[in-house]
Amino acid sequence: MDAQPTLFLLDFSQRTLGLNLDGLTHDESLAAPAGGNNANWVLGHILVHRDKMLALLGQEKLFDSEAAAVYDRGSEPLADGARARALDDLRADLARSYDLLKEALGRATPEQLAASAGTRPVAEMLLFLAGHELYHGGQIGLLRRGAGHAGAIR
């Protein structure tokens, strides 16, 4: 087992998230479609799951449990923005988490990746979480268009 597939997906996700977030304002990130989450929540949710990846690799998380609770599955919508982190802060966390994950994945040993992460080996769980991130990254692309911006991926 190696970390290359996860690194490949994270590289792709980081590039597309950067493009889709480019030009989006904090206020625009708080606008949500009927029945859906806003871009601020989706990005924070991605970061909560990047923290899960970091933990699987033995690294410290960026979010404490209080910050993570705002963006975890089933949390209250961020409609008014009172609990939302600033979009610029989330973007900085995205860059930092990417750097930390690249470094940790580059150091990961085959034994570490083959270790159990519950019902799956760490390597499989990392791939699952990277796929989860790609799913939500696509949502940010749609939310970008909903905010009146042109599509960023061409």
N, C-alpha and C. Protein backbone atom coordinates (compact mmCIF):
# COMPACT_ATOMS: atom_id res chain seq x y z
N MET A 1 0.84 -1.18 0.00
CA MET A 1 0.00 0.00 0.00
C MET A 1 0.88 1.24 0.00
N ASP A 2 0.48 2.22 -0.81
CA ASP A 2 1.20 3.48 -0.79
C ASP A 2 0.21 4.65 -0.82
N ALA A 3 0.74 5.83 -0.66
CA ALA A 3 -0.09 7.03 -0.52
C ALA A 3 -0.31 7.76 -1.84
N GLN A 4 0.26 7.29 -2.92
CA GLN A 4 0.17 8.00 -4.20
C GLN A 4 -1.26 8.29 -4.66
N PRO A 5 -2.17 7.32 -4.61
CA PRO A 5 -3.54 7.63 -5.06
C PRO A 5 -4.19 8.76 -4.24
N THR A 6 -3.98 8.74 -2.94
CA THR A 6 -4.55 9.79 -2.10
C THR A 6 -3.90 11.14 -2.41
N LEU A 7 -2.60 11.15 -2.59
CA LEU A 7 -1.90 12.39 -2.96
C LEU A 7 -2.43 12.94 -4.29
N PHE A 8 -2.65 12.07 -5.25
CA PHE A 8 -3.16 12.49 -6.55
C PHE A 8 -4.53 13.15 -6.39
N LEU A 9 -5.43 12.53 -5.63
CA LEU A 9 -6.77 13.09 -5.43
C LEU A 9 -6.72 14.39 -4.66
N LEU A 10 -5.86 14.48 -3.65
CA LEU A 10 -5.74 15.73 -2.89
C LEU A 10 -5.18 16.86 -3.76
N ASP A 11 -4.21 16.55 -4.60
CA ASP A 11 -3.67 17.57 -5.51
C ASP A 11 -4.77 18.11 -6.42
N PHE A 12 -5.56 17.21 -6.98
CA PHE A 12 -6.66 17.61 -7.86
C PHE A 12 -7.68 18.45 -7.09
N SER A 13 -8.04 17.98 -5.92
CA SER A 13 -9.03 18.69 -5.10
C SER A 13 -8.53 20.08 -4.71
N GLN A 14 -7.29 20.17 -4.29
CA GLN A 14 -6.74 21.47 -3.87
C GLN A 14 -6.78 22.47 -5.03
N ARG A 15 -6.42 22.03 -6.22
CA ARG A 15 -6.45 22.92 -7.39
C ARG A 15 -7.87 23.35 -7.71
N THR A 16 -8.80 22.41 -7.74
CA THR A 16 -10.17 22.77 -8.11
C THR A 16 -10.85 23.60 -7.03
N LEU A 17 -10.60 23.29 -5.77
CA LEU A 17 -11.16 24.11 -4.70
C LEU A 17 -10.63 25.54 -4.80
N GLY A 18 -9.35 25.70 -5.06
CA GLY A 18 -8.77 27.03 -5.20
C GLY A 18 -9.44 27.81 -6.32
N LEU A 19 -9.64 27.15 -7.45
CA LEU A 19 -10.30 27.82 -8.58
C LEU A 19 -11.75 28.18 -8.24
N ASN A 20 -12.47 27.26 -7.62
CA ASN A 20 -13.88 27.50 -7.31
C ASN A 20 -14.07 28.54 -6.20
N LEU A 21 -13.11 28.67 -5.32
CA LEU A 21 -13.22 29.66 -4.25
C LEU A 21 -12.71 31.03 -4.66
N ASP A 22 -11.95 31.09 -5.74
CA ASP A 22 -11.36 32.35 -6.19
C ASP A 22 -12.46 33.38 -6.49
N GLY A 23 -12.36 34.53 -5.87
CA GLY A 23 -13.31 35.61 -6.10
C GLY A 23 -14.57 35.53 -5.27
N LEU A 24 -14.79 34.43 -4.58
CA LEU A 24 -15.97 34.29 -3.73
C LEU A 24 -15.75 35.10 -2.45
N THR A 25 -16.72 35.91 -2.08
CA THR A 25 -16.60 36.71 -0.85
C THR A 25 -17.16 35.94 0.34
N HIS A 26 -16.83 36.42 1.51
CA HIS A 26 -17.37 35.79 2.72
C HIS A 26 -18.90 35.83 2.71
N ASP A 27 -19.46 36.98 2.38
CA ASP A 27 -20.93 37.09 2.34
C ASP A 27 -21.53 36.11 1.33
N GLU A 28 -20.89 35.98 0.16
CA GLU A 28 -21.38 35.03 -0.84
C GLU A 28 -21.27 33.60 -0.33
N SER A 29 -20.25 33.33 0.48
CA SER A 29 -20.07 31.97 1.00
C SER A 29 -21.15 31.58 1.99
N LEU A 30 -21.90 32.56 2.48
CA LEU A 30 -22.97 32.29 3.45
C LEU A 30 -24.32 32.09 2.79
N ALA A 31 -24.43 32.37 1.49
CA ALA A 31 -25.69 32.18 0.78
C ALA A 31 -25.89 30.69 0.52
N ALA A 32 -27.09 30.21 0.85
CA ALA A 32 -27.36 28.78 0.68
C ALA A 32 -28.57 28.57 -0.20
N PRO A 33 -28.52 27.55 -1.05
CA PRO A 33 -29.71 27.21 -1.83
C PRO A 33 -30.78 26.62 -0.92
N ALA A 34 -32.00 26.65 -1.35
CA ALA A 34 -33.08 26.06 -0.55
C ALA A 34 -32.77 24.60 -0.26
N GLY A 35 -32.78 24.26 1.01
CA GLY A 35 -32.55 22.87 1.40
C GLY A 35 -31.11 22.42 1.35
N GLY A 36 -30.17 23.34 1.15
CA GLY A 36 -28.77 22.94 1.05
C GLY A 36 -27.86 23.75 1.95
N ASN A 37 -26.63 23.34 2.00
CA ASN A 37 -25.63 24.04 2.80
C ASN A 37 -24.93 25.10 1.96
N ASN A 38 -24.40 26.11 2.63
CA ASN A 38 -23.67 27.15 1.93
C ASN A 38 -22.20 26.76 1.74
N ALA A 39 -21.49 27.54 0.93
CA ALA A 39 -20.09 27.23 0.61
C ALA A 39 -19.21 27.30 1.85
N ASN A 40 -19.52 28.20 2.78
CA ASN A 40 -18.75 28.30 4.01
C ASN A 40 -18.83 26.98 4.77
N TRP A 41 -20.06 26.46 4.92
CA TRP A 41 -20.22 25.20 5.64
C TRP A 41 -19.54 24.06 4.89
N VAL A 42 -19.71 24.00 3.59
CA VAL A 42 -19.13 22.90 2.81
C VAL A 42 -17.60 22.92 2.94
N LEU A 43 -16.99 24.10 2.86
CA LEU A 43 -15.53 24.18 2.99
C LEU A 43 -15.10 23.78 4.40
N GLY A 44 -15.80 24.26 5.41
CA GLY A 44 -15.49 23.85 6.78
C GLY A 44 -15.64 22.35 6.96
N HIS A 45 -16.66 21.78 6.33
CA HIS A 45 -16.90 20.34 6.40
C HIS A 45 -15.74 19.56 5.76
N ILE A 46 -15.25 20.07 4.65
CA ILE A 46 -14.07 19.45 4.01
C ILE A 46 -12.89 19.48 4.98
N LEU A 47 -12.72 20.60 5.67
CA LEU A 47 -11.60 20.72 6.61
C LEU A 47 -11.75 19.78 7.81
N VAL A 48 -12.96 19.57 8.29
CA VAL A 48 -13.20 18.61 9.36
C VAL A 48 -12.72 17.23 8.92
N HIS A 49 -12.99 16.90 7.67
CA HIS A 49 -12.59 15.59 7.17
C HIS A 49 -11.10 15.53 6.81
N ARG A 50 -10.51 16.65 6.47
CA ARG A 50 -9.05 16.66 6.33
C ARG A 50 -8.41 16.42 7.69
N ASP A 51 -9.02 16.95 8.76
CA ASP A 51 -8.53 16.68 10.11
C ASP A 51 -8.58 15.18 10.41
N LYS A 52 -9.62 14.52 9.94
CA LYS A 52 -9.72 13.07 10.13
C LYS A 52 -8.58 12.36 9.41
N MET A 53 -8.22 12.87 8.24
CA MET A 53 -7.09 12.29 7.50
C MET A 53 -5.79 12.52 8.27
N LEU A 54 -5.63 13.73 8.78
CA LEU A 54 -4.42 14.03 9.56
C LEU A 54 -4.32 13.11 10.77
N ALA A 55 -5.45 12.91 11.46
CA ALA A 55 -5.44 12.03 12.63
C ALA A 55 -5.07 10.60 12.26
N LEU A 56 -5.56 10.12 11.13
CA LEU A 56 -5.20 8.77 10.68
C LEU A 56 -3.70 8.64 10.44
N LEU A 57 -3.08 9.76 10.11
CA LEU A 57 -1.64 9.77 9.84
C LEU A 57 -0.83 10.17 11.07
N GLY A 58 -1.50 10.24 12.22
CA GLY A 58 -0.80 10.55 13.47
C GLY A 58 -0.46 12.01 13.66
N GLN A 59 -1.15 12.89 12.96
CA GLN A 59 -0.87 14.33 13.03
C GLN A 59 -1.94 15.05 13.85
N GLU A 60 -1.60 16.24 14.31
CA GLU A 60 -2.56 17.07 15.04
C GLU A 60 -3.59 17.65 14.10
N LYS A 61 -4.80 17.80 14.61
CA LYS A 61 -5.88 18.41 13.85
C LYS A 61 -5.76 19.93 13.89
N LEU A 62 -6.34 20.59 12.91
CA LEU A 62 -6.37 22.05 12.88
C LEU A 62 -7.53 22.61 13.69
N PHE A 63 -8.66 21.92 13.67
CA PHE A 63 -9.87 22.39 14.37
C PHE A 63 -9.96 21.72 15.74
N ASP A 64 -10.33 22.50 16.75
CA ASP A 64 -10.67 21.87 18.02
C ASP A 64 -12.10 21.34 17.91
N SER A 65 -12.56 20.63 18.92
CA SER A 65 -13.87 19.98 18.82
C SER A 65 -15.00 21.00 18.69
N GLU A 66 -14.87 22.16 19.29
CA GLU A 66 -15.91 23.19 19.18
C GLU A 66 -16.01 23.72 17.75
N ALA A 67 -14.87 24.01 17.14
CA ALA A 67 -14.87 24.50 15.76
C ALA A 67 -15.36 23.42 14.80
N ALA A 68 -14.97 22.18 15.05
CA ALA A 68 -15.38 21.08 14.17
C ALA A 68 -16.89 20.85 14.26
N ALA A 69 -17.48 21.05 15.43
CA ALA A 69 -18.91 20.80 15.61
C ALA A 69 -19.76 21.71 14.72
N VAL A 70 -19.27 22.89 14.40
CA VAL A 70 -20.00 23.83 13.54
C VAL A 70 -20.14 23.27 12.13
N TYR A 71 -19.16 22.50 11.69
CA TYR A 71 -19.10 22.04 10.30
C TYR A 71 -19.29 20.53 10.14
N ASP A 72 -19.56 19.84 11.20
CA ASP A 72 -19.71 18.40 11.10
C ASP A 72 -21.10 18.04 10.59
N ARG A 73 -21.22 16.84 10.07
CA ARG A 73 -22.49 16.36 9.54
C ARG A 73 -23.59 16.50 10.60
N GLY A 74 -24.74 17.02 10.17
CA GLY A 74 -25.86 17.17 11.07
C GLY A 74 -25.85 18.45 11.88
N SER A 75 -24.83 19.30 11.69
CA SER A 75 -24.78 20.55 12.44
C SER A 75 -25.84 21.52 11.92
N GLU A 76 -26.14 22.51 12.72
CA GLU A 76 -27.13 23.52 12.34
C GLU A 76 -26.63 24.33 11.14
N PRO A 77 -27.52 24.72 10.24
CA PRO A 77 -27.10 25.56 9.10
C PRO A 77 -26.47 26.87 9.57
N LEU A 78 -25.60 27.40 8.75
CA LEU A 78 -24.90 28.65 9.05
C LEU A 78 -25.57 29.83 8.35
N ALA A 79 -26.87 29.87 8.36
CA ALA A 79 -27.62 30.87 7.59
C ALA A 79 -27.27 32.30 7.95
N ASP A 80 -27.11 32.62 9.23
CA ASP A 80 -26.84 34.00 9.61
C ASP A 80 -25.36 34.33 9.69
N GLY A 81 -24.53 33.33 9.69
CA GLY A 81 -23.09 33.55 9.70
C GLY A 81 -22.49 33.82 11.06
N ALA A 82 -23.31 33.84 12.11
CA ALA A 82 -22.80 34.17 13.44
C ALA A 82 -21.76 33.15 13.92
N ARG A 83 -21.93 31.89 13.55
CA ARG A 83 -20.99 30.85 13.97
C ARG A 83 -19.97 30.52 12.90
N ALA A 84 -20.11 31.09 11.74
CA ALA A 84 -19.23 30.76 10.62
C ALA A 84 -17.85 31.39 10.80
N ARG A 85 -16.84 30.64 10.41
CA ARG A 85 -15.49 31.20 10.36
C ARG A 85 -15.38 32.08 9.11
N ALA A 86 -14.51 33.04 9.15
CA ALA A 86 -14.28 33.89 7.99
C ALA A 86 -13.78 33.04 6.83
N LEU A 87 -14.28 33.32 5.64
CA LEU A 87 -13.89 32.54 4.47
C LEU A 87 -12.37 32.59 4.27
N ASP A 88 -11.75 33.73 4.48
CA ASP A 88 -10.29 33.82 4.34
C ASP A 88 -9.58 32.90 5.32
N ASP A 89 -10.11 32.75 6.53
CA ASP A 89 -9.51 31.85 7.51
C ASP A 89 -9.66 30.40 7.06
N LEU A 90 -10.83 30.07 6.53
CA LEU A 90 -11.04 28.71 6.01
C LEU A 90 -10.11 28.42 4.85
N ARG A 91 -9.92 29.40 3.98
CA ARG A 91 -9.00 29.20 2.84
C ARG A 91 -7.57 29.00 3.33
N ALA A 92 -7.17 29.75 4.35
CA ALA A 92 -5.83 29.57 4.92
C ALA A 92 -5.70 28.18 5.54
N ASP A 93 -6.75 27.72 6.22
CA ASP A 93 -6.74 26.37 6.79
C ASP A 93 -6.67 25.31 5.70
N LEU A 94 -7.32 25.58 4.57
CA LEU A 94 -7.28 24.65 3.45
C LEU A 94 -5.84 24.50 2.95
N ALA A 95 -5.14 25.61 2.79
CA ALA A 95 -3.75 25.57 2.34
C ALA A 95 -2.86 24.87 3.36
N ARG A 96 -3.05 25.20 4.63
CA ARG A 96 -2.23 24.59 5.68
C ARG A 96 -2.49 23.08 5.77
N SER A 97 -3.76 22.68 5.73
CA SER A 97 -4.07 21.25 5.82
C SER A 97 -3.48 20.49 4.63
N TYR A 98 -3.51 21.11 3.47
CA TYR A 98 -2.94 20.48 2.28
C TYR A 98 -1.44 20.25 2.47
N ASP A 99 -0.74 21.27 2.94
CA ASP A 99 0.70 21.13 3.17
C ASP A 99 0.99 20.04 4.21
N LEU A 100 0.23 20.03 5.29
CA LEU A 100 0.43 19.02 6.33
C LEU A 100 0.14 17.62 5.81
N LEU A 101 -0.93 17.48 5.04
CA LEU A 101 -1.26 16.16 4.50
C LEU A 101 -0.22 15.68 3.49
N LYS A 102 0.24 16.57 2.62
CA LYS A 102 1.28 16.17 1.66
C LYS A 102 2.52 15.68 2.39
N GLU A 103 2.91 16.40 3.42
CA GLU A 103 4.09 16.02 4.20
C GLU A 103 3.87 14.68 4.90
N ALA A 104 2.73 14.52 5.56
CA ALA A 104 2.45 13.28 6.29
C ALA A 104 2.31 12.09 5.34
N LEU A 105 1.65 12.29 4.21
CA LEU A 105 1.51 11.21 3.24
C LEU A 105 2.85 10.83 2.63
N GLY A 106 3.72 11.82 2.44
CA GLY A 106 5.05 11.55 1.92
C GLY A 106 5.90 10.73 2.86
N ARG A 107 5.63 10.83 4.16
CA ARG A 107 6.38 10.08 5.18
C ARG A 107 5.73 8.76 5.54
N ALA A 108 4.49 8.56 5.15
CA ALA A 108 3.74 7.37 5.59
C ALA A 108 4.42 6.10 5.09
N THR A 109 4.56 5.15 5.99
CA THR A 109 5.18 3.87 5.66
C THR A 109 4.10 2.89 5.20
N PRO A 110 4.50 1.86 4.45
CA PRO A 110 3.52 0.84 4.06
C PRO A 110 2.83 0.21 5.28
N GLU A 111 3.56 0.05 6.36
CA GLU A 111 2.97 -0.52 7.58
C GLU A 111 1.91 0.42 8.17
N GLN A 112 2.20 1.70 8.18
CA GLN A 112 1.25 2.67 8.71
C GLN A 112 -0.02 2.69 7.86
N LEU A 113 0.14 2.62 6.55
CA LEU A 113 -1.00 2.65 5.64
C LEU A 113 -1.81 1.35 5.69
N ALA A 114 -1.17 0.26 6.04
CA ALA A 114 -1.86 -1.03 6.12
C ALA A 114 -2.53 -1.25 7.49
N ALA A 115 -2.20 -0.40 8.46
CA ALA A 115 -2.78 -0.56 9.80
C ALA A 115 -4.29 -0.39 9.75
N SER A 116 -4.95 -0.97 10.73
CA SER A 116 -6.41 -0.91 10.78
C SER A 116 -6.90 0.47 11.19
N ALA A 117 -7.92 0.93 10.47
CA ALA A 117 -8.62 2.17 10.82
C ALA A 117 -10.09 1.81 11.04
N GLY A 118 -10.30 0.88 11.94
CA GLY A 118 -11.65 0.37 12.16
C GLY A 118 -11.93 -0.81 11.25
N THR A 119 -12.79 -0.60 10.26
CA THR A 119 -13.16 -1.69 9.36
C THR A 119 -12.32 -1.75 8.10
N ARG A 120 -11.44 -0.77 7.91
CA ARG A 120 -10.62 -0.69 6.70
C ARG A 120 -9.18 -0.34 7.06
N PRO A 121 -8.26 -0.64 6.18
CA PRO A 121 -6.89 -0.16 6.40
C PRO A 121 -6.84 1.38 6.25
N VAL A 122 -5.87 1.98 6.87
CA VAL A 122 -5.70 3.45 6.81
C VAL A 122 -5.69 3.93 5.37
N ALA A 123 -4.96 3.24 4.47
CA ALA A 123 -4.88 3.68 3.07
C ALA A 123 -6.26 3.75 2.43
N GLU A 124 -7.11 2.77 2.69
CA GLU A 124 -8.46 2.79 2.11
C GLU A 124 -9.31 3.90 2.72
N MET A 125 -9.17 4.12 4.00
CA MET A 125 -9.93 5.19 4.64
C MET A 125 -9.50 6.56 4.11
N LEU A 126 -8.21 6.72 3.86
CA LEU A 126 -7.72 7.98 3.29
C LEU A 126 -8.31 8.21 1.90
N LEU A 127 -8.37 7.14 1.09
CA LEU A 127 -8.97 7.26 -0.24
C LEU A 127 -10.46 7.59 -0.15
N PHE A 128 -11.15 6.96 0.78
CA PHE A 128 -12.57 7.25 0.99
C PHE A 128 -12.76 8.73 1.35
N LEU A 129 -11.95 9.23 2.26
CA LEU A 129 -12.07 10.64 2.69
C LEU A 129 -11.70 11.60 1.56
N ALA A 130 -10.74 11.23 0.72
CA ALA A 130 -10.40 12.06 -0.43
C ALA A 130 -11.56 12.10 -1.42
N GLY A 131 -12.22 10.97 -1.63
CA GLY A 131 -13.40 10.93 -2.50
C GLY A 131 -14.53 11.77 -1.93
N HIS A 132 -14.72 11.71 -0.64
CA HIS A 132 -15.72 12.53 0.05
C HIS A 132 -15.44 14.01 -0.20
N GLU A 133 -14.17 14.39 -0.14
CA GLU A 133 -13.77 15.77 -0.38
C GLU A 133 -14.11 16.19 -1.81
N LEU A 134 -13.85 15.32 -2.77
CA LEU A 134 -14.14 15.65 -4.17
C LEU A 134 -15.64 15.86 -4.38
N TYR A 135 -16.45 15.06 -3.74
CA TYR A 135 -17.91 15.21 -3.81
C TYR A 135 -18.31 16.62 -3.35
N HIS A 136 -17.80 17.02 -2.21
CA HIS A 136 -18.15 18.33 -1.67
C HIS A 136 -17.49 19.48 -2.45
N GLY A 137 -16.35 19.22 -3.02
CA GLY A 137 -15.72 20.24 -3.86
C GLY A 137 -16.58 20.59 -5.06
N GLY A 138 -17.25 19.58 -5.63
CA GLY A 138 -18.19 19.84 -6.72
C GLY A 138 -19.35 20.71 -6.27
N GLN A 139 -19.78 20.53 -5.04
CA GLN A 139 -20.85 21.38 -4.51
C GLN A 139 -20.40 22.84 -4.46
N ILE A 140 -19.16 23.06 -4.08
CA ILE A 140 -18.66 24.44 -4.03
C ILE A 140 -18.67 25.06 -5.42
N GLY A 141 -18.37 24.26 -6.44
CA GLY A 141 -18.44 24.77 -7.81
C GLY A 141 -19.85 25.23 -8.17
N LEU A 142 -20.84 24.46 -7.76
CA LEU A 142 -22.23 24.85 -8.02
C LEU A 142 -22.63 26.08 -7.20
N LEU A 143 -22.19 26.13 -5.95
CA LEU A 143 -22.51 27.28 -5.10
C LEU A 143 -21.85 28.55 -5.65
N ARG A 144 -20.68 28.41 -6.23
CA ARG A 144 -19.99 29.54 -6.87
C ARG A 144 -20.88 30.11 -7.97
N ARG A 145 -21.41 29.24 -8.81
CA ARG A 145 -22.29 29.70 -9.90
C ARG A 145 -23.57 30.31 -9.35
N GLY A 146 -24.10 29.74 -8.28
CA GLY A 146 -25.29 30.28 -7.65
C GLY A 146 -25.06 31.68 -7.09
N ALA A 147 -23.80 32.00 -6.77
CA ALA A 147 -23.45 33.33 -6.27
C ALA A 147 -23.22 34.32 -7.41
N GLY A 148 -23.40 33.85 -8.66
CA GLY A 148 -23.28 34.75 -9.80
C GLY A 148 -21.93 34.75 -10.47
N HIS A 149 -21.04 33.88 -10.07
CA HIS A 149 -19.70 33.80 -10.69
C HIS A 149 -19.75 32.79 -11.84
N ALA A 150 -18.90 33.01 -12.81
CA ALA A 150 -18.75 32.05 -13.90
C ALA A 150 -18.11 30.77 -13.37
N GLY A 151 -18.37 29.68 -14.06
CA GLY A 151 -17.73 28.42 -13.69
C GLY A 151 -16.22 28.58 -13.78
N ALA A 152 -15.51 27.98 -12.83
CA ALA A 152 -14.05 28.14 -12.78
C ALA A 152 -13.30 27.00 -13.44
N ILE A 153 -13.95 25.88 -13.63
CA ILE A 153 -13.28 24.70 -14.20
C ILE A 153 -13.69 24.61 -15.67
N ARG A 154 -12.72 24.71 -16.52
CA ARG A 154 -13.01 24.68 -17.97
C ARG A 154 -12.20 23.65 -18.67
